[in-house]
C-alpha atoms as a PDB file:
ATOM      1  CA  MET A   1     -27.588   5.097  21.117  1.00  0.00           C
ATOM      2  CA  SER A   2     -25.965   1.693  20.501  1.00  0.00           C
ATOM      3  CA  ILE A   3     -27.268   1.611  16.916  1.00  0.00           C
ATOM      4  CA  LEU A   4     -25.885   5.114  16.303  1.00  0.00           C
ATOM      5  CA  ILE A   5     -22.456   3.939  17.493  1.00  0.00           C
ATOM      6  CA  ALA A   6     -22.728   0.915  15.182  1.00  0.00           C
ATOM      7  CA  LEU A   7     -23.480   3.223  12.225  1.00  0.00           C
ATOM      8  CA  ILE A   8     -20.302   5.276  12.719  1.00  0.00           C
ATOM      9  CA  PRO A   9     -18.049   2.724  10.904  1.00  0.00           C
ATOM     10  CA  ALA A  10     -20.339   2.918   7.860  1.00  0.00           C
ATOM     11  CA  LEU A  11     -20.174   6.719   7.951  1.00  0.00           C
ATOM     12  CA  CYS A  12     -16.375   6.741   8.325  1.00  0.00           C
ATOM     13  CA  TRP A  13     -15.524   4.035   5.802  1.00  0.00           C
ATOM     14  CA  GLY A  14     -18.193   5.157   3.351  1.00  0.00           C
ATOM     15  CA  SER A  15     -16.715   8.666   3.355  1.00  0.00           C
ATOM     16  CA  ILE A  16     -13.113   7.673   2.603  1.00  0.00           C
ATOM     17  CA  GLY A  17     -13.511   7.580  -1.189  1.00  0.00           C
ATOM     18  CA  LEU A  18     -15.386  10.878  -1.159  1.00  0.00           C
ATOM     19  CA  VAL A  19     -12.897  12.621   1.110  1.00  0.00           C
ATOM     20  CA  SER A  20      -9.865  11.351  -0.811  1.00  0.00           C
ATOM     21  CA  GLY A  21     -11.551  12.390  -4.063  1.00  0.00           C
ATOM     22  CA  LYS A  22     -12.082  15.906  -2.730  1.00  0.00           C
ATOM     23  CA  LEU A  23      -8.584  16.162  -1.223  1.00  0.00           C
ATOM     24  CA  GLY A  24      -7.003  15.027  -4.478  1.00  0.00           C
ATOM     25  CA  GLY A  25      -3.602  13.514  -5.142  1.00  0.00           C
ATOM     26  CA  THR A  26      -2.355  10.395  -6.882  1.00  0.00           C
ATOM     27  CA  ALA A  27      -3.191   6.910  -5.625  1.00  0.00           C
ATOM     28  CA  HIS A  28       0.276   6.668  -4.030  1.00  0.00           C
ATOM     29  CA  GLN A  29      -0.135  10.027  -2.265  1.00  0.00           C
ATOM     30  CA  GLN A  30      -3.590   9.014  -1.030  1.00  0.00           C
ATOM     31  CA  THR A  31      -2.375   5.632   0.231  1.00  0.00           C
ATOM     32  CA  LEU A  32       0.677   7.036   2.020  1.00  0.00           C
ATOM     33  CA  GLY A  33      -1.304   9.873   3.608  1.00  0.00           C
ATOM     34  CA  MET A  34      -3.982   7.435   4.738  1.00  0.00           C
ATOM     35  CA  THR A  35      -1.443   5.093   6.341  1.00  0.00           C
ATOM     36  CA  ILE A  36       0.154   7.962   8.261  1.00  0.00           C
ATOM     37  CA  GLY A  37      -3.274   8.918   9.614  1.00  0.00           C
ATOM     38  CA  ALA A  38      -4.026   5.289  10.497  1.00  0.00           C
ATOM     39  CA  LEU A  39      -0.694   5.033  12.354  1.00  0.00           C
ATOM     40  CA  VAL A  40      -1.457   8.184  14.372  1.00  0.00           C
ATOM     41  CA  PHE A  41      -4.879   6.782  15.316  1.00  0.00           C
ATOM     42  CA  SER A  42      -3.466   3.345  16.182  1.00  0.00           C
ATOM     43  CA  ILE A  43      -0.905   4.918  18.515  1.00  0.00           C
ATOM     44  CA  GLY A  44      -3.800   6.660  20.279  1.00  0.00           C
ATOM     45  CA  ALA A  45      -5.659   3.347  20.513  1.00  0.00           C
ATOM     46  CA  TYR A  46      -2.564   1.649  21.956  1.00  0.00           C
ATOM     47  CA  VAL A  47      -2.218   4.332  24.639  1.00  0.00           C
ATOM     48  CA  ALA A  48      -5.928   4.052  25.496  1.00  0.00           C
ATOM     49  CA  TYR A  49      -6.209   0.239  25.633  1.00  0.00           C
ATOM     50  CA  HIS A  50      -2.635  -0.906  26.496  1.00  0.00           C
ATOM     51  CA  PRO A  51      -2.915  -4.248  24.647  1.00  0.00           C
ATOM     52  CA  VAL A  52      -0.160  -6.856  24.947  1.00  0.00           C
ATOM     53  CA  ILE A  53       1.896  -7.023  21.740  1.00  0.00           C
ATOM     54  CA  ASN A  54       4.083 -10.133  21.554  1.00  0.00           C
ATOM     55  CA  VAL A  55       6.250 -11.342  18.654  1.00  0.00           C
ATOM     56  CA  LYS A  56       3.391 -13.285  17.045  1.00  0.00           C
ATOM     57  CA  VAL A  57       1.010 -10.300  17.160  1.00  0.00           C
ATOM     58  CA  PHE A  58       3.730  -8.033  15.741  1.00  0.00           C
ATOM     59  CA  VAL A  59       4.617 -10.356  12.829  1.00  0.00           C
ATOM     60  CA  VAL A  60       0.967 -11.049  11.956  1.00  0.00           C
ATOM     61  CA  GLY A  61       0.175  -7.326  12.149  1.00  0.00           C
ATOM     62  CA  ILE A  62       3.077  -6.324   9.884  1.00  0.00           C
ATOM     63  CA  ALA A  63       2.131  -8.973   7.286  1.00  0.00           C
ATOM     64  CA  SER A  64      -1.530  -7.948   7.428  1.00  0.00           C
ATOM     65  CA  GLY A  65      -0.638  -4.266   7.046  1.00  0.00           C
ATOM     66  CA  LEU A  66       1.626  -4.917   4.048  1.00  0.00           C
ATOM     67  CA  LEU A  67      -1.208  -6.755   2.285  1.00  0.00           C
ATOM     68  CA  TRP A  68      -3.657  -3.969   3.202  1.00  0.00           C
ATOM     69  CA  SER A  69      -1.410  -1.387   1.523  1.00  0.00           C
ATOM     70  CA  VAL A  70      -1.661  -3.368  -1.717  1.00  0.00           C
ATOM     71  CA  GLY A  71      -5.452  -3.631  -1.388  1.00  0.00           C
ATOM     72  CA  GLN A  72      -6.028   0.032  -0.561  1.00  0.00           C
ATOM     73  CA  GLY A  73      -3.459   1.372  -3.021  1.00  0.00           C
ATOM     74  CA  GLN A  74      -5.013  -0.554  -5.901  1.00  0.00           C
ATOM     75  CA  GLN A  75      -8.490   0.497  -4.820  1.00  0.00           C
ATOM     76  CA  PHE A  76      -7.440   4.163  -5.034  1.00  0.00           C
ATOM     77  CA  GLN A  77      -6.009   3.396  -8.494  1.00  0.00           C
ATOM     78  CA  SER A  78      -9.336   1.898  -9.540  1.00  0.00           C
ATOM     79  CA  MET A  79     -11.240   4.936  -8.233  1.00  0.00           C
ATOM     80  CA  GLN A  80      -9.181   7.157 -10.505  1.00  0.00           C
ATOM     81  CA  VAL A  81      -9.791   4.883 -13.496  1.00  0.00           C
ATOM     82  CA  MET A  82     -13.536   4.199 -13.214  1.00  0.00           C
ATOM     83  CA  GLY A  83     -14.791   6.403 -10.380  1.00  0.00           C
ATOM     84  CA  VAL A  84     -15.808   5.923  -6.765  1.00  0.00           C
ATOM     85  CA  SER A  85     -19.442   5.073  -7.555  1.00  0.00           C
ATOM     86  CA  ARG A  86     -18.397   2.002  -9.527  1.00  0.00           C
ATOM     87  CA  THR A  87     -15.256   0.989  -7.606  1.00  0.00           C
ATOM     88  CA  VAL A  88     -16.612   0.877  -4.041  1.00  0.00           C
ATOM     89  CA  PRO A  89     -19.649  -1.423  -4.499  1.00  0.00           C
ATOM     90  CA  MET A  90     -17.690  -3.707  -6.843  1.00  0.00           C
ATOM     91  CA  SER A  91     -14.742  -3.832  -4.452  1.00  0.00           C
ATOM     92  CA  THR A  92     -17.027  -4.474  -1.459  1.00  0.00           C
ATOM     93  CA  GLY A  93     -18.798  -7.303  -3.283  1.00  0.00           C
ATOM     94  CA  MET A  94     -15.539  -8.891  -4.463  1.00  0.00           C
ATOM     95  CA  GLN A  95     -14.031  -8.715  -0.963  1.00  0.00           C
ATOM     96  CA  LEU A  96     -17.116 -10.270   0.628  1.00  0.00           C
ATOM     97  CA  VAL A  97     -17.145 -13.069  -1.957  1.00  0.00           C
ATOM     98  CA  GLY A  98     -13.406 -13.690  -1.534  1.00  0.00           C
ATOM     99  CA  ASN A  99     -13.426 -13.637   2.263  1.00  0.00           C
ATOM    100  CA  THR A 100     -16.543 -15.810   2.411  1.00  0.00           C
ATOM    101  CA  LEU A 101     -14.934 -18.448   0.178  1.00  0.00           C
ATOM    102  CA  ALA A 102     -11.728 -18.230   2.215  1.00  0.00           C
ATOM    103  CA  GLY A 103     -13.699 -18.731   5.430  1.00  0.00           C
ATOM    104  CA  ALA A 104     -15.500 -21.730   4.007  1.00  0.00           C
ATOM    105  CA  LEU A 105     -12.537 -23.404   2.291  1.00  0.00           C
ATOM    106  CA  LEU A 106      -9.590 -22.482   4.527  1.00  0.00           C
ATOM    107  CA  PHE A 107     -11.174 -22.128   7.962  1.00  0.00           C
ATOM    108  CA  HIS A 108     -14.171 -24.504   7.515  1.00  0.00           C
ATOM    109  CA  GLU A 109     -16.663 -21.925   8.798  1.00  0.00           C
ATOM    110  CA  TRP A 110     -19.602 -23.594   7.057  1.00  0.00           C
ATOM    111  CA  GLN A 111     -20.385 -26.494   9.373  1.00  0.00           C
ATOM    112  CA  ASN A 112     -23.836 -27.669   8.298  1.00  0.00           C
ATOM    113  CA  GLY A 113     -26.394 -27.647   5.489  1.00  0.00           C
ATOM    114  CA  ARG A 114     -28.045 -24.426   6.679  1.00  0.00           C
ATOM    115  CA  GLU A 115     -24.774 -22.503   6.644  1.00  0.00           C
ATOM    116  CA  ILE A 116     -23.824 -23.897   3.230  1.00  0.00           C
ATOM    117  CA  SER A 117     -27.240 -22.943   1.804  1.00  0.00           C
ATOM    118  CA  LEU A 118     -27.122 -19.415   3.258  1.00  0.00           C
ATOM    119  CA  GLY A 119     -23.499 -18.995   2.217  1.00  0.00           C
ATOM    120  CA  VAL A 120     -24.163 -19.978  -1.390  1.00  0.00           C
ATOM    121  CA  LEU A 121     -27.244 -17.712  -1.477  1.00  0.00           C
ATOM    122  CA  ALA A 122     -25.182 -14.809  -0.097  1.00  0.00           C
ATOM    123  CA  LEU A 123     -22.491 -15.388  -2.740  1.00  0.00           C
ATOM    124  CA  ILE A 124     -25.073 -15.354  -5.533  1.00  0.00           C
ATOM    125  CA  ILE A 125     -26.598 -12.117  -4.197  1.00  0.00           C
ATOM    126  CA  LEU A 126     -23.152 -10.491  -3.930  1.00  0.00           C
ATOM    127  CA  ILE A 127     -22.130 -11.536  -7.448  1.00  0.00           C
ATOM    128  CA  VAL A 128     -25.398 -10.184  -8.895  1.00  0.00           C
ATOM    129  CA  GLY A 129     -24.922  -6.921  -6.986  1.00  0.00           C
ATOM    130  CA  ALA A 130     -21.300  -6.439  -8.090  1.00  0.00           C
ATOM    131  CA  THR A 131     -22.279  -7.230 -11.694  1.00  0.00           C
ATOM    132  CA  LEU A 132     -25.113  -4.693 -11.678  1.00  0.00           C
ATOM    133  CA  THR A 133     -22.930  -1.881 -10.332  1.00  0.00           C
ATOM    134  CA  SER A 134     -20.437  -2.471 -13.159  1.00  0.00           C
ATOM    135  CA  ARG A 135     -23.011  -2.294 -15.960  1.00  0.00           C
ATOM    136  CA  ASN A 136     -22.978   0.494 -18.519  1.00  0.00           C
ATOM    137  CA  ASP A 137     -25.933   1.959 -20.361  1.00  0.00           C
ATOM    138  CA  PRO A 138     -25.519   0.638 -23.937  1.00  0.00           C
ATOM    139  CA  ALA A 139     -27.399   3.708 -25.208  1.00  0.00           C
ATOM    140  CA  SER A 140     -24.779   6.026 -23.722  1.00  0.00           C
ATOM    141  CA  ASN A 141     -22.437   7.771 -26.152  1.00  0.00           C
ATOM    142  CA  ILE A 142     -19.453   7.084 -23.896  1.00  0.00           C
ATOM    143  CA  ALA A 143     -20.275   3.416 -23.237  1.00  0.00           C
ATOM    144  CA  LYS A 144     -17.351   2.193 -25.390  1.00  0.00           C
ATOM    145  CA  LYS A 145     -14.848   4.305 -23.469  1.00  0.00           C
ATOM    146  CA  GLU A 146     -16.391   3.204 -20.169  1.00  0.00           C
ATOM    147  CA  ASN A 147     -16.083  -0.462 -21.187  1.00  0.00           C
ATOM    148  CA  THR A 148     -12.345   0.060 -21.732  1.00  0.00           C
ATOM    149  CA  GLU A 149     -12.059   1.781 -18.340  1.00  0.00           C
ATOM    150  CA  LEU A 150     -14.113  -1.006 -16.733  1.00  0.00           C
ATOM    151  CA  SER A 151     -11.805  -3.685 -18.129  1.00  0.00           C
ATOM    152  CA  ARG A 152      -8.717  -1.892 -16.796  1.00  0.00           C
ATOM    153  CA  GLY A 153     -10.421  -1.082 -13.485  1.00  0.00           C
ATOM    154  CA  MET A 154     -11.464  -4.720 -12.989  1.00  0.00           C
ATOM    155  CA  ARG A 155      -7.868  -5.899 -13.412  1.00  0.00           C
ATOM    156  CA  ILE A 156      -6.753  -3.372 -10.795  1.00  0.00           C
ATOM    157  CA  LEU A 157      -9.606  -4.378  -8.448  1.00  0.00           C
ATOM    158  CA  LEU A 158      -8.638  -8.045  -8.734  1.00  0.00           C
ATOM    159  CA  ILE A 159      -5.188  -7.215  -7.306  1.00  0.00           C
ATOM    160  CA  SER A 160      -6.866  -5.004  -4.675  1.00  0.00           C
ATOM    161  CA  THR A 161      -9.175  -7.838  -3.623  1.00  0.00           C
ATOM    162  CA  ILE A 162      -6.264 -10.271  -3.263  1.00  0.00           C
ATOM    163  CA  GLY A 163      -4.500  -7.734  -1.023  1.00  0.00           C
ATOM    164  CA  TYR A 164      -7.600  -7.112   1.090  1.00  0.00           C
ATOM    165  CA  MET A 165      -8.277 -10.850   1.409  1.00  0.00           C
ATOM    166  CA  GLY A 166      -4.736 -11.458   2.588  1.00  0.00           C
ATOM    167  CA  TYR A 167      -5.074  -8.612   5.090  1.00  0.00           C
ATOM    168  CA  THR A 168      -7.983 -10.325   6.861  1.00  0.00           C
ATOM    169  CA  ILE A 169      -6.965 -13.961   6.270  1.00  0.00           C
ATOM    170  CA  VAL A 170      -3.575 -13.451   7.949  1.00  0.00           C
ATOM    171  CA  VAL A 171      -5.250 -12.087  11.104  1.00  0.00           C
ATOM    172  CA  ASP A 172      -7.807 -14.929  11.159  1.00  0.00           C
ATOM    173  CA  TRP A 173      -5.076 -17.510  10.646  1.00  0.00           C
ATOM    174  CA  GLY A 174      -2.899 -15.974  13.367  1.00  0.00           C
ATOM    175  CA  GLN A 175      -5.795 -15.885  15.862  1.00  0.00           C
ATOM    176  CA  VAL A 176      -4.480 -12.699  17.479  1.00  0.00           C
ATOM    177  CA  ASN A 177      -6.278 -10.104  19.581  1.00  0.00           C
ATOM    178  CA  ALA A 178      -8.079  -7.587  17.343  1.00  0.00           C
ATOM    179  CA  ILE A 179      -7.120  -4.554  19.464  1.00  0.00           C
ATOM    180  CA  ALA A 180      -3.495  -5.651  19.965  1.00  0.00           C
ATOM    181  CA  VAL A 181      -2.893  -6.103  16.243  1.00  0.00           C
ATOM    182  CA  ILE A 182      -3.990  -2.553  15.278  1.00  0.00           C
ATOM    183  CA  LEU A 183      -0.623  -0.843  15.930  1.00  0.00           C
ATOM    184  CA  PRO A 184       1.608  -3.462  14.197  1.00  0.00           C
ATOM    185  CA  GLN A 185      -0.923  -3.493  11.366  1.00  0.00           C
ATOM    186  CA  ALA A 186      -0.619   0.279  10.931  1.00  0.00           C
ATOM    187  CA  ILE A 187       3.186   0.003  10.913  1.00  0.00           C
ATOM    188  CA  GLY A 188       2.935  -2.645   8.164  1.00  0.00           C
ATOM    189  CA  MET A 189       0.524  -0.423   6.243  1.00  0.00           C
ATOM    190  CA  LEU A 190       2.990   2.480   6.351  1.00  0.00           C
ATOM    191  CA  ILE A 191       5.929   0.275   5.301  1.00  0.00           C
ATOM    192  CA  GLY A 192       3.894  -1.106   2.393  1.00  0.00           C
ATOM    193  CA  ALA A 193       2.793   2.358   1.278  1.00  0.00           C
ATOM    194  CA  LEU A 194       6.419   3.598   1.394  1.00  0.00           C
ATOM    195  CA  ILE A 195       7.603   0.620  -0.691  1.00  0.00           C
ATOM    196  CA  LEU A 196       4.864   1.190  -3.288  1.00  0.00           C
ATOM    197  CA  ALA A 197       5.731   4.911  -3.373  1.00  0.00           C
ATOM    198  CA  ILE A 198       9.396   4.356  -4.304  1.00  0.00           C
ATOM    199  CA  GLY A 199      10.183   6.531  -7.313  1.00  0.00           C
ATOM    200  CA  LYS A 200       6.841   8.349  -7.044  1.00  0.00           C
ATOM    201  CA  ASP A 201       6.189  11.979  -6.137  1.00  0.00           C
ATOM    202  CA  VAL A 202       4.721  11.656  -2.634  1.00  0.00           C
ATOM    203  CA  ARG A 203       6.436  14.636  -0.969  1.00  0.00           C
ATOM    204  CA  ASN A 204       3.395  16.682  -1.711  1.00  0.00           C
ATOM    205  CA  ILE A 205       0.696  18.588   0.165  1.00  0.00           C
ATOM    206  CA  ALA A 206      -1.835  16.031  -1.134  1.00  0.00           C
ATOM    207  CA  THR A 207      -0.125  13.344   0.965  1.00  0.00           C
ATOM    208  CA  VAL A 208      -0.465  15.511   4.075  1.00  0.00           C
ATOM    209  CA  LYS A 209      -4.127  16.244   3.330  1.00  0.00           C
ATOM    210  CA  ASN A 210      -4.925  12.536   2.992  1.00  0.00           C
ATOM    211  CA  ILE A 211      -3.793  11.874   6.560  1.00  0.00           C
ATOM    212  CA  PHE A 212      -7.404  12.731   7.390  1.00  0.00           C
ATOM    213  CA  THR A 213      -8.650   9.652   5.492  1.00  0.00           C
ATOM    214  CA  GLY A 214      -6.444   7.506   7.732  1.00  0.00           C
ATOM    215  CA  LEU A 215      -8.035   9.071  10.798  1.00  0.00           C
ATOM    216  CA  LEU A 216     -11.464   8.226   9.331  1.00  0.00           C
ATOM    217  CA  TRP A 217     -10.380   4.630   8.750  1.00  0.00           C
ATOM    218  CA  GLY A 218      -9.030   4.323  12.290  1.00  0.00           C
ATOM    219  CA  ALA A 219     -12.171   5.826  13.805  1.00  0.00           C
ATOM    220  CA  GLY A 220     -14.307   3.318  11.890  1.00  0.00           C
ATOM    221  CA  ASN A 221     -12.168   0.460  13.214  1.00  0.00           C
ATOM    222  CA  ILE A 222     -12.435   1.554  16.840  1.00  0.00           C
ATOM    223  CA  PHE A 223     -16.195   2.153  16.742  1.00  0.00           C
ATOM    224  CA  MET A 224     -16.650  -1.248  15.082  1.00  0.00           C
ATOM    225  CA  PHE A 225     -14.938  -2.887  18.064  1.00  0.00           C
ATOM    226  CA  LEU A 226     -16.967  -0.758  20.494  1.00  0.00           C
ATOM    227  CA  SER A 227     -20.288  -1.591  18.838  1.00  0.00           C
ATOM    228  CA  ILE A 228     -19.882  -5.393  18.756  1.00  0.00           C
ATOM    229  CA  PRO A 229     -20.422  -5.877  22.542  1.00  0.00           C
ATOM    230  CA  LYS A 230     -23.439  -3.552  22.426  1.00  0.00           C
ATOM    231  CA  VAL A 231     -25.380  -4.777  19.369  1.00  0.00           C
ATOM    232  CA  GLY A 232     -23.627  -8.041  18.471  1.00  0.00           C
ATOM    233  CA  LEU A 233     -21.390  -9.050  15.581  1.00  0.00           C
ATOM    234  CA  ALA A 234     -24.243  -9.693  13.131  1.00  0.00           C
ATOM    235  CA  VAL A 235     -25.846  -6.261  13.455  1.00  0.00           C
ATOM    236  CA  SER A 236     -22.506  -4.438  13.685  1.00  0.00           C
ATOM    237  CA  TYR A 237     -21.099  -6.182  10.597  1.00  0.00           C
ATOM    238  CA  SER A 238     -24.313  -5.686   8.635  1.00  0.00           C
ATOM    239  CA  LEU A 239     -24.617  -1.986   9.409  1.00  0.00           C
ATOM    240  CA  SER A 240     -20.994  -1.413   8.371  1.00  0.00           C
ATOM    241  CA  GLN A 241     -21.906  -2.596   4.852  1.00  0.00           C
ATOM    242  CA  THR A 242     -24.327   0.310   4.389  1.00  0.00           C
ATOM    243  CA  GLY A 243     -21.348   2.650   3.958  1.00  0.00           C
ATOM    244  CA  ILE A 244     -21.315   1.880   0.230  1.00  0.00           C
ATOM    245  CA  ILE A 245     -24.543   3.913  -0.108  1.00  0.00           C
ATOM    246  CA  ILE A 246     -22.667   6.971   1.188  1.00  0.00           C
ATOM    247  CA  SER A 247     -19.663   6.459  -1.076  1.00  0.00           C
ATOM    248  CA  THR A 248     -21.651   5.505  -4.173  1.00  0.00           C
ATOM    249  CA  LEU A 249     -24.379   8.151  -4.114  1.00  0.00           C
ATOM    250  CA  GLY A 250     -22.024  10.734  -2.621  1.00  0.00           C
ATOM    251  CA  SER A 251     -19.588  10.335  -5.506  1.00  0.00           C
ATOM    252  CA  ILE A 252     -22.396  10.977  -7.981  1.00  0.00           C
ATOM    253  CA  PHE A 253     -23.901  14.015  -6.234  1.00  0.00           C
ATOM    254  CA  LEU A 254     -20.782  15.462  -4.540  1.00  0.00           C
ATOM    255  CA  LEU A 255     -17.917  14.489  -6.857  1.00  0.00           C
ATOM    256  CA  GLY A 256     -20.008  14.927  -9.992  1.00  0.00           C
ATOM    257  CA  GLU A 257     -19.515  11.466 -11.501  1.00  0.00           C
ATOM    258  CA  LYS A 258     -21.819  11.155 -14.515  1.00  0.00           C
ATOM    259  CA  LYS A 259     -24.490   8.465 -14.738  1.00  0.00           C
ATOM    260  CA  THR A 260     -27.439   7.977 -17.067  1.00  0.00           C
ATOM    261  CA  LYS A 261     -30.828   7.198 -15.506  1.00  0.00           C
ATOM    262  CA  ARG A 262     -30.426   3.533 -16.398  1.00  0.00           C
ATOM    263  CA  GLU A 263     -26.938   3.395 -14.853  1.00  0.00           C
ATOM    264  CA  MET A 264     -28.306   5.043 -11.700  1.00  0.00           C
ATOM    265  CA  VAL A 265     -30.853   2.220 -11.433  1.00  0.00           C
ATOM    266  CA  TYR A 266     -28.099  -0.384 -11.967  1.00  0.00           C
ATOM    267  CA  VAL A 267     -25.900   1.203  -9.285  1.00  0.00           C
ATOM    268  CA  VAL A 268     -28.641   1.629  -6.657  1.00  0.00           C
ATOM    269  CA  VAL A 269     -30.077  -1.879  -7.146  1.00  0.00           C
ATOM    270  CA  GLY A 270     -26.561  -3.343  -7.214  1.00  0.00           C
ATOM    271  CA  CYS A 271     -25.704  -1.597  -3.933  1.00  0.00           C
ATOM    272  CA  LEU A 272     -28.849  -2.996  -2.330  1.00  0.00           C
ATOM    273  CA  PHE A 273     -27.864  -6.507  -3.442  1.00  0.00           C
ATOM    274  CA  VAL A 274     -24.346  -6.096  -2.020  1.00  0.00           C
ATOM    275  CA  ILE A 275     -25.757  -4.779   1.268  1.00  0.00           C
ATOM    276  CA  GLY A 276     -28.268  -7.648   1.349  1.00  0.00           C
ATOM    277  CA  GLY A 277     -25.504 -10.196   0.807  1.00  0.00           C
ATOM    278  CA  GLY A 278     -23.415  -8.533   3.516  1.00  0.00           C
ATOM    279  CA  ILE A 279     -26.310  -8.617   5.971  1.00  0.00           C
ATOM    280  CA  LEU A 280     -26.894 -12.311   5.246  1.00  0.00           C
ATOM    281  CA  LEU A 281     -23.217 -13.041   5.877  1.00  0.00           C
ATOM    282  CA  GLY A 282     -23.369 -10.988   9.085  1.00  0.00           C
ATOM    283  CA  TYR A 283     -26.173 -13.139  10.496  1.00  0.00           C
ATOM    284  CA  MET A 284     -24.294 -16.272   9.465  1.00  0.00           C
ATOM    285  CA  LYS A 285     -21.301 -15.084  11.521  1.00  0.00           C
ATOM    286  CA  ALA A 286     -23.444 -14.462  14.621  1.00  0.00           C
END
């Protein structure tokens, strides 16, 4: 039962790209709808847990949420440029690499030779995985067009990764309670999404539909916190990485994203590398 609870974050987070793809809308509509859903869920979590929110928690949460809105908004942009099946594993790998380097360089999390060796190995595995998922089949007739899309998508993902890194780094730096920060974080997310949506058409049914993706995100967060005491941080963190299998393969079979046989091999093997690197990092954090 504990393992099933620990798998729920992977199911929730891995489904976000698929659900948003099915619901439709622009990246700004998807981001705003998602933040509204996340705010609704965070209010429910606040009522259930009654955490203490002081000025520090509020400021850190707002800053973290603003950075998240940049990360998620740009990730939705990338999905529309080069598809969910390519965006999600690349984004996951880039975030893990970025956060791992931040942990090592800013917070000195690597304390001995073993941790340095495992950390470097994990980074290599993640980089190989992200590279494989981005590869095109040179024999494909649309490879040239895909290379152009990949170049544009990578630039967007770089901004997304910086936003996502800031979102987690701020919370680590602030050393605030993970449950207490959820509500201020969601408020920051909504403010950021509203700022990014200035001048855009977001008063649309697509925005309302995408509230559901925010509920998925919030549910994944809560079950992640619930699973850590039951199965430990290493197992919980590692299992959450398996969500990219759902988003990657689901986008191909459910959203109809086209892949050649060779590209399918690249994507599947790349996902396995990213998951493997995530698992290695999870055991390092234990």
